[in-house]
């Protein structure tokens, strides 16, 4: 086999090993990131509930002020009743009192409703704080576990990087530049085997001449359809 082709095949395998570490790193980080995301979500929920409580308290305060005004109005009407001189004035005052009493009833009911909402939201905040404490207590342990996994992964990855550096030091720079140009778009399918006379990158059939060149492996051969570097895998006896 052409030495340069062998080097490109080896390099492609090393690059695949290096890229394979990324999902391992993502998986290791996921547990800690998930815990952080849950913590942030609970913090956000507490913040939103606190804002909602303030809004409900403002509504309750407005109703309390209105209730105080109505009570004052009823007291004032009670004093006016002794000064009434005509039946018309009496009916008008009675109507005012009925409307005021209805408003008092509504205000009291609204205050009671708002108090229940506020109490429920405060209970939600307390429950959320308990969950938050549990997450905070476990977060440090999760971080330590993730860091330990990442240390192992990074050590293994560094070993593969060393192998790659050694390989790059022996390679023809022109061939390396050609490989890197294809890898920009082909990624880990830059160098692919031929099976059943088909490129395993694009799965298209190659013609007999190119197939023969791939079998000989005297030169670097590319797929006429997709441009990937082709090779034949050694047959084990």
Protein backbone atom coordinates (compact mmCIF):
# COMPACT_ATOMS: atom_id res chain seq x y z
CA UNK A 1 0.00 0.00 0.00
CA UNK A 2 1.16 3.52 -0.78
CA UNK A 3 2.81 4.93 2.37
CA UNK A 4 1.03 8.27 2.10
CA UNK A 5 -2.33 6.53 1.74
CA UNK A 6 -1.60 4.41 4.81
CA UNK A 7 -0.79 7.56 6.77
CA UNK A 8 -4.07 9.19 5.69
CA UNK A 9 -6.01 6.08 6.73
CA UNK A 10 -4.26 6.10 10.13
CA UNK A 11 -4.88 9.83 10.52
CA UNK A 12 -8.58 9.43 9.73
CA UNK A 13 -8.87 6.73 12.39
CA UNK A 14 -7.11 8.93 14.95
CA UNK A 15 -9.38 11.87 14.10
CA UNK A 16 -12.41 9.62 14.60
CA UNK A 17 -11.08 8.63 18.03
CA UNK A 18 -10.59 12.28 18.95
CA UNK A 19 -14.09 13.26 17.79
CA UNK A 20 -15.56 10.31 19.70
CA UNK A 21 -14.48 11.99 22.95
CA UNK A 22 -16.88 14.93 22.40
CA UNK A 23 -20.10 12.97 23.08
CA UNK A 24 -18.38 11.39 26.11
CA UNK A 25 -17.58 14.86 27.45
CA UNK A 26 -21.13 16.06 26.72
CA UNK A 27 -22.56 13.03 28.50
CA UNK A 28 -20.31 13.59 31.52
CA UNK A 29 -21.29 17.27 31.69
CA UNK A 30 -24.99 16.56 31.20
CA UNK A 31 -25.70 15.46 34.77
CA UNK A 32 -24.17 18.61 36.28
CA UNK A 33 -25.70 20.90 33.63
CA UNK A 34 -29.11 19.28 34.21
CA UNK A 35 -28.82 19.95 37.95
CA UNK A 36 -27.79 23.57 37.27
CA UNK A 37 -30.68 24.00 34.82
CA UNK A 38 -33.13 22.67 37.42
CA UNK A 39 -31.68 25.02 40.03
CA UNK A 40 -32.02 27.99 37.63
CA UNK A 41 -35.58 26.93 36.80
CA UNK A 42 -36.55 26.80 40.50
CA UNK A 43 -34.86 30.16 41.13
CA UNK A 44 -36.87 31.59 38.24
CA UNK A 45 -40.09 30.06 39.62
CA UNK A 46 -39.44 31.58 43.05
CA UNK A 47 -38.74 34.96 41.47
CA UNK A 48 -41.93 34.80 39.38
CA UNK A 49 -44.02 33.68 42.36
CA UNK A 50 -42.60 36.54 44.47
CA UNK A 51 -43.57 39.04 41.76
CA UNK A 52 -47.04 37.51 41.50
CA UNK A 53 -47.46 37.76 45.30
CA UNK A 54 -46.56 41.45 45.17
CA UNK A 55 -49.14 42.00 42.42
CA UNK A 56 -51.82 40.19 44.44
CA UNK A 57 -50.89 42.18 47.56
CA UNK A 58 -51.28 45.43 45.59
CA UNK A 59 -54.76 44.28 44.50
CA UNK A 60 -55.60 43.34 48.10
CA UNK A 61 -54.39 46.74 49.37
CA UNK A 62 -56.55 48.54 46.79
CA UNK A 63 -59.58 46.55 47.95
CA UNK A 64 -58.76 47.34 51.59
CA UNK A 65 -58.57 51.06 50.76
CA UNK A 66 -61.87 50.81 48.89
CA UNK A 67 -63.39 48.97 51.87
CA UNK A 68 -62.23 51.75 54.20
CA UNK A 69 -63.80 54.35 51.88
CA UNK A 70 -67.07 52.41 51.82
CA UNK A 71 -67.10 52.10 55.63
CA UNK A 72 -66.54 55.82 55.89
CA UNK A 73 -69.34 56.43 53.38
CA UNK A 74 -71.77 54.23 55.34
CA UNK A 75 -70.91 56.07 58.56
CA UNK A 76 -71.43 59.36 56.80
CA UNK A 77 -74.80 58.19 55.42
CA UNK A 78 -75.81 57.12 58.93
CA UNK A 79 -75.22 60.65 60.13
CA UNK A 80 -77.08 62.12 57.16
CA UNK A 81 -80.17 59.99 57.87
CA UNK A 82 -80.98 62.17 60.89
CA UNK A 83 -80.99 65.25 58.65
CA UNK A 84 -83.31 63.84 55.95
CA UNK A 85 -86.39 65.96 55.33
CA UNK A 86 -88.09 64.33 52.35
CA UNK A 87 -89.03 60.79 51.28
CA UNK A 88 -87.07 61.29 48.07
CA UNK A 89 -83.91 62.01 50.03
CA UNK A 90 -84.58 58.93 52.17
CA UNK A 91 -84.92 56.65 49.11
CA UNK A 92 -81.80 58.10 47.54
CA UNK A 93 -79.84 57.53 50.75
CA UNK A 94 -81.14 53.98 51.07
CA UNK A 95 -80.10 53.22 47.48
CA UNK A 96 -76.63 54.55 48.18
CA UNK A 97 -76.41 52.37 51.30
CA UNK A 98 -77.51 49.24 49.40
CA UNK A 99 -74.94 49.83 46.67
CA UNK A 100 -72.24 50.53 49.26
CA UNK A 101 -73.12 47.36 51.22
CA UNK A 102 -72.96 45.28 48.03
CA UNK A 103 -69.56 46.79 47.29
CA UNK A 104 -68.45 46.03 50.85
CA UNK A 105 -69.49 42.41 50.42
CA UNK A 106 -67.68 42.17 47.10
CA UNK A 107 -64.52 43.84 48.51
CA UNK A 108 -64.45 41.45 51.48
CA UNK A 109 -64.88 38.45 49.19
CA UNK A 110 -62.16 39.73 46.87
CA UNK A 111 -59.79 40.30 49.80
CA UNK A 112 -60.48 36.76 51.05
CA UNK A 113 -59.89 35.35 47.54
CA UNK A 114 -56.62 37.26 47.16
CA UNK A 115 -55.45 36.13 50.61
CA UNK A 116 -55.98 32.48 49.59
CA UNK A 117 -54.01 33.04 46.36
CA UNK A 118 -51.18 34.75 48.26
CA UNK A 119 -51.06 31.95 50.85
CA UNK A 120 -51.00 29.28 48.11
CA UNK A 121 -48.16 31.04 46.27
CA UNK A 122 -46.18 31.40 49.52
CA UNK A 123 -46.61 27.64 50.08
CA UNK A 124 -45.30 27.07 46.55
CA UNK A 125 -42.26 29.22 47.31
CA UNK A 126 -41.54 27.27 50.49
CA UNK A 127 -41.79 23.95 48.61
CA UNK A 128 -39.51 25.33 45.88
CA UNK A 129 -36.96 26.45 48.49
CA UNK A 130 -36.87 22.92 49.95
CA UNK A 131 -36.21 21.51 46.46
CA UNK A 132 -33.54 24.14 45.97
CA UNK A 133 -31.79 23.14 49.20
CA UNK A 134 -31.77 19.50 48.09
CA UNK A 135 -30.23 20.43 44.73
CA UNK A 136 -27.63 22.69 46.36
CA UNK A 137 -26.62 19.94 48.78
CA UNK A 138 -26.15 17.46 45.90
CA UNK A 139 -24.56 19.88 43.44
CA UNK A 140 -21.08 19.70 44.92
CA UNK A 141 -21.10 15.88 44.85
CA UNK A 142 -22.35 15.86 41.25
CA UNK A 143 -19.63 18.35 40.26
CA UNK A 144 -16.95 16.17 41.87
CA UNK A 145 -18.27 13.09 40.07
CA UNK A 146 -18.34 14.90 36.71
CA UNK A 147 -14.84 16.33 37.21
CA UNK A 148 -13.49 12.84 37.95
CA UNK A 149 -15.03 11.48 34.74
CA UNK A 150 -13.73 14.41 32.70
CA UNK A 151 -10.24 13.93 34.09
CA UNK A 152 -10.22 10.31 32.84
CA UNK A 153 -11.64 11.30 29.44
CA UNK A 154 -9.18 14.17 29.00
CA UNK A 155 -6.25 11.91 29.92
CA UNK A 156 -7.30 9.37 27.29
CA UNK A 157 -7.89 12.12 24.74
CA UNK A 158 -4.48 13.61 25.40
CA UNK A 159 -2.89 10.23 24.72
CA UNK A 160 -4.64 10.12 21.33
CA UNK A 161 -3.50 13.69 20.60
CA UNK A 162 0.10 12.58 21.21
CA UNK A 163 -0.36 9.76 18.68
CA UNK A 164 -1.76 12.28 16.19
CA UNK A 165 1.15 14.70 16.68
CA UNK A 166 3.64 11.91 16.03
CA UNK A 167 1.78 10.89 12.90
CA UNK A 168 1.58 14.46 11.60
CA UNK A 169 5.33 14.79 12.05
CA UNK A 170 5.93 11.99 9.54
CA UNK A 171 3.36 13.01 6.93
CA UNK A 172 3.79 14.66 3.56
CA UNK A 173 2.45 18.21 3.93
CA UNK A 174 0.85 18.23 0.49
CA UNK A 175 -1.08 15.05 1.26
CA UNK A 176 -2.04 16.42 4.67
CA UNK A 177 -3.38 19.64 3.13
CA UNK A 178 -5.41 17.56 0.66
CA UNK A 179 -6.84 15.49 3.53
CA UNK A 180 -7.73 18.58 5.58
CA UNK A 181 -9.45 20.20 2.61
CA UNK A 182 -11.78 17.20 2.23
CA UNK A 183 -12.27 16.87 6.01
CA UNK A 184 -13.71 20.39 6.21
CA UNK A 185 -16.93 19.08 4.68
CA UNK A 186 -16.65 15.28 4.94
CA UNK A 187 -15.67 15.25 8.64
CA UNK A 188 -15.07 11.66 9.80
CA UNK A 189 -15.91 10.22 6.40
CA UNK A 190 -12.91 11.83 4.70
CA UNK A 191 -11.24 8.46 4.17
CA UNK A 192 -13.67 5.62 3.52
CA UNK A 193 -13.43 1.97 2.46
CA UNK A 194 -14.82 0.51 -0.73
CA UNK A 195 -17.27 -2.36 -0.33
CA UNK A 196 -18.95 -4.24 -3.16
CA UNK A 197 -17.30 -1.73 -5.52
CA UNK A 198 -19.15 1.14 -3.82
CA UNK A 199 -17.80 4.16 -1.95
CA UNK A 200 -18.90 3.89 1.67
CA UNK A 201 -19.06 7.67 1.88
CA UNK A 202 -21.69 8.35 -0.78
CA UNK A 203 -22.63 4.69 -1.46
CA UNK A 204 -22.27 5.16 -5.21
CA UNK A 205 -20.76 2.46 -7.44
CA UNK A 206 -17.31 3.31 -8.81
CA UNK A 207 -16.14 2.24 -12.26
CA UNK A 208 -13.81 -0.73 -12.87
CA UNK A 209 -10.68 1.38 -13.50
CA UNK A 210 -10.98 3.34 -10.25
CA UNK A 211 -11.86 0.15 -8.43
CA UNK A 212 -8.70 -1.47 -9.75
CA UNK A 213 -6.66 1.56 -8.64
CA UNK A 214 -8.16 1.30 -5.15
CA UNK A 215 -7.26 -2.40 -4.97
CA UNK A 216 -3.68 -1.72 -6.10
CA UNK A 217 -3.39 1.11 -3.55
CA UNK A 218 -0.30 2.45 -5.32
CA UNK A 219 -1.66 6.00 -5.36
CA UNK A 220 -4.20 8.03 -3.40
CA UNK A 221 -7.54 7.50 -5.18
CA UNK A 222 -10.66 9.57 -4.66
CA UNK A 223 -14.30 8.80 -5.32
CA UNK A 224 -15.39 10.27 -8.68
CA UNK A 225 -18.82 11.04 -7.21
CA UNK A 226 -18.09 12.65 -3.84
CA UNK A 227 -14.32 13.22 -3.77
CA UNK A 228 -13.59 11.22 -0.60
CA UNK A 229 -10.34 9.28 -0.32
CA UNK A 230 -10.88 5.58 -1.00
CA UNK A 231 -9.15 2.43 0.23
CA UNK A 232 -9.69 -1.31 0.52
CA UNK A 233 -9.79 -2.80 3.97
CA UNK A 234 -7.38 -5.67 4.51
CA UNK A 235 -9.03 -9.08 4.35
CA UNK A 236 -8.26 -11.16 7.42
CA UNK A 237 -7.50 -14.82 6.70
